[in-house]
């Protein structure tokens, strides 16, 4: 009986420790300062460290003052690398929808996301389905095809 109680206590301790390691860590001060400066009156929902293309960064999910959700990638030093925001399909520029229709004539855009990289580079990631397979294609603001995932 003592062995069973000891095993249960050890298991509970290891589970609690595992959950503590999985808990999200707060953003560093440089990241939270950059978010506050770049997106005043926003609310930080979550922030997690990640590694993208061999570089460390933080992914923050914000709610803007108007209720809009925004995902922001920020470097550990506080540089805003990219923002991602879901937009209505009818707000995608005509050049992008025209290029999409030419490349994927049988597909219909299911979801659109506006991505702003750096200060001004704007891209649109378009989710669609063809032959039962879900895909995403990214186009520059001018309609130039970038990639498919």
Protein backbone atom coordinates (compact mmCIF):
# COMPACT_ATOMS: atom_id res chain seq x y z
CA UNK A 1 0.00 0.00 0.00
CA UNK A 2 2.87 2.39 0.83
CA UNK A 3 4.44 1.60 -2.56
CA UNK A 4 1.18 2.46 -4.34
CA UNK A 5 0.88 5.78 -2.45
CA UNK A 6 4.50 6.64 -3.24
CA UNK A 7 4.02 5.81 -6.94
CA UNK A 8 0.87 7.98 -7.08
CA UNK A 9 2.72 10.89 -5.44
CA UNK A 10 5.64 10.59 -7.87
CA UNK A 11 3.28 10.43 -10.84
CA UNK A 12 1.38 13.52 -9.67
CA UNK A 13 4.64 15.41 -9.23
CA UNK A 14 5.93 14.48 -12.67
CA UNK A 15 2.61 15.43 -14.33
CA UNK A 16 2.57 18.79 -12.55
CA UNK A 17 6.18 19.39 -13.60
CA UNK A 18 5.41 18.49 -17.22
CA UNK A 19 2.51 20.95 -17.29
CA UNK A 20 4.69 23.68 -15.77
CA UNK A 21 7.26 23.18 -18.56
CA UNK A 22 4.52 23.36 -21.21
CA UNK A 23 3.04 26.57 -19.81
CA UNK A 24 3.49 29.59 -22.04
CA UNK A 25 6.26 31.87 -20.92
CA UNK A 26 5.68 35.60 -20.90
CA UNK A 27 7.08 37.74 -23.69
CA UNK A 28 10.38 39.46 -22.94
CA UNK A 29 10.18 43.19 -22.15
CA UNK A 30 11.58 44.12 -25.59
CA UNK A 31 8.71 42.25 -27.26
CA UNK A 32 5.93 43.65 -25.06
CA UNK A 33 7.34 47.18 -25.47
CA UNK A 34 7.39 46.80 -29.26
CA UNK A 35 3.80 45.53 -29.24
CA UNK A 36 2.61 48.40 -27.03
CA UNK A 37 4.39 50.94 -29.24
CA UNK A 38 3.19 49.46 -32.54
CA UNK A 39 -0.34 48.51 -31.48
CA UNK A 40 -1.51 50.90 -28.77
CA UNK A 41 -4.78 50.07 -27.02
CA UNK A 42 -4.46 46.41 -28.01
CA UNK A 43 -4.77 43.48 -25.64
CA UNK A 44 -2.18 40.71 -25.60
CA UNK A 45 -3.90 37.32 -25.68
CA UNK A 46 -0.91 35.02 -25.92
CA UNK A 47 2.77 35.06 -26.65
CA UNK A 48 4.96 32.10 -27.44
CA UNK A 49 8.55 31.58 -28.46
CA UNK A 50 9.12 29.85 -31.78
CA UNK A 51 11.82 29.22 -34.32
CA UNK A 52 11.04 30.22 -37.92
CA UNK A 53 13.47 29.69 -40.80
CA UNK A 54 16.33 29.19 -38.33
CA UNK A 55 15.60 32.37 -36.36
CA UNK A 56 14.15 32.80 -32.88
CA UNK A 57 11.05 34.93 -32.63
CA UNK A 58 7.86 35.38 -30.64
CA UNK A 59 4.35 34.93 -31.95
CA UNK A 60 1.90 37.24 -30.19
CA UNK A 61 -1.85 37.18 -30.62
CA UNK A 62 -3.48 40.54 -30.07
CA UNK A 63 -6.97 41.94 -30.03
CA UNK A 64 -6.99 45.46 -31.41
CA UNK A 65 -9.15 48.23 -29.96
CA UNK A 66 -11.81 47.61 -32.65
CA UNK A 67 -12.01 43.90 -31.71
CA UNK A 68 -9.98 42.67 -34.69
CA UNK A 69 -7.63 39.74 -34.08
CA UNK A 70 -4.03 40.17 -35.17
CA UNK A 71 -1.06 37.80 -35.06
CA UNK A 72 2.33 39.48 -34.81
CA UNK A 73 5.78 37.93 -35.19
CA UNK A 74 8.40 39.86 -33.21
CA UNK A 75 12.16 39.34 -32.92
CA UNK A 76 13.66 38.89 -29.43
CA UNK A 77 15.05 42.43 -29.76
CA UNK A 78 11.60 43.91 -30.42
CA UNK A 79 11.52 44.27 -34.21
CA UNK A 80 8.06 43.61 -35.68
CA UNK A 81 8.76 41.07 -38.42
CA UNK A 82 5.29 40.33 -39.75
CA UNK A 83 1.61 40.83 -39.00
CA UNK A 84 -1.14 38.45 -40.08
CA UNK A 85 -4.81 39.37 -40.15
CA UNK A 86 -7.79 37.47 -41.55
CA UNK A 87 -9.64 39.66 -44.05
CA UNK A 88 -12.89 39.18 -45.97
CA UNK A 89 -12.27 37.62 -49.38
CA UNK A 90 -13.91 40.64 -51.05
CA UNK A 91 -11.14 42.85 -49.61
CA UNK A 92 -8.39 40.96 -51.45
CA UNK A 93 -6.98 43.17 -54.23
CA UNK A 94 -8.25 42.48 -57.75
CA UNK A 95 -4.70 41.72 -58.98
CA UNK A 96 -4.44 38.93 -56.39
CA UNK A 97 -7.85 37.38 -57.10
CA UNK A 98 -7.17 37.55 -60.85
CA UNK A 99 -3.79 35.80 -60.44
CA UNK A 100 -5.36 33.21 -58.13
CA UNK A 101 -8.14 32.47 -60.66
CA UNK A 102 -5.58 32.07 -63.46
CA UNK A 103 -3.39 29.70 -61.41
CA UNK A 104 -6.25 27.73 -59.82
CA UNK A 105 -9.22 27.98 -62.23
CA UNK A 106 -11.26 25.26 -60.48
CA UNK A 107 -10.69 26.55 -56.94
CA UNK A 108 -12.61 29.01 -54.78
CA UNK A 109 -10.97 31.08 -52.05
CA UNK A 110 -12.19 29.85 -48.66
CA UNK A 111 -10.20 32.23 -46.41
CA UNK A 112 -7.87 35.16 -46.92
CA UNK A 113 -5.13 36.46 -44.67
CA UNK A 114 -3.28 39.73 -45.18
CA UNK A 115 0.39 39.51 -44.23
CA UNK A 116 2.51 42.61 -43.82
CA UNK A 117 6.22 41.89 -43.67
CA UNK A 118 8.60 44.54 -42.47
CA UNK A 119 7.27 48.03 -42.95
CA UNK A 120 5.46 47.81 -46.27
CA UNK A 121 5.63 44.43 -48.07
CA UNK A 122 2.04 43.16 -48.30
CA UNK A 123 1.08 39.60 -49.24
CA UNK A 124 -2.14 37.63 -49.23
CA UNK A 125 -2.30 34.00 -48.16
CA UNK A 126 -5.36 32.37 -49.69
CA UNK A 127 -6.77 29.09 -48.40
CA UNK A 128 -8.60 26.87 -50.87
CA UNK A 129 -9.47 23.27 -51.59
CA UNK A 130 -8.98 21.28 -54.80
CA UNK A 131 -9.65 17.58 -55.29
CA UNK A 132 -10.37 17.24 -51.56
CA UNK A 133 -6.96 18.61 -50.58
CA UNK A 134 -6.65 21.80 -48.53
CA UNK A 135 -3.93 24.18 -49.69
CA UNK A 136 -2.72 27.73 -49.23
CA UNK A 137 -1.17 29.97 -51.84
CA UNK A 138 0.60 33.25 -51.18
CA UNK A 139 0.57 36.15 -53.61
CA UNK A 140 2.22 39.56 -53.41
CA UNK A 141 -0.10 42.57 -53.31
CA UNK A 142 0.45 43.07 -57.08
CA UNK A 143 -0.68 39.50 -57.88
CA UNK A 144 2.77 37.92 -58.24
CA UNK A 145 2.67 34.25 -57.10
CA UNK A 146 5.03 33.57 -54.18
CA UNK A 147 4.43 30.01 -52.93
CA UNK A 148 1.98 27.19 -52.27
CA UNK A 149 1.74 25.18 -49.09
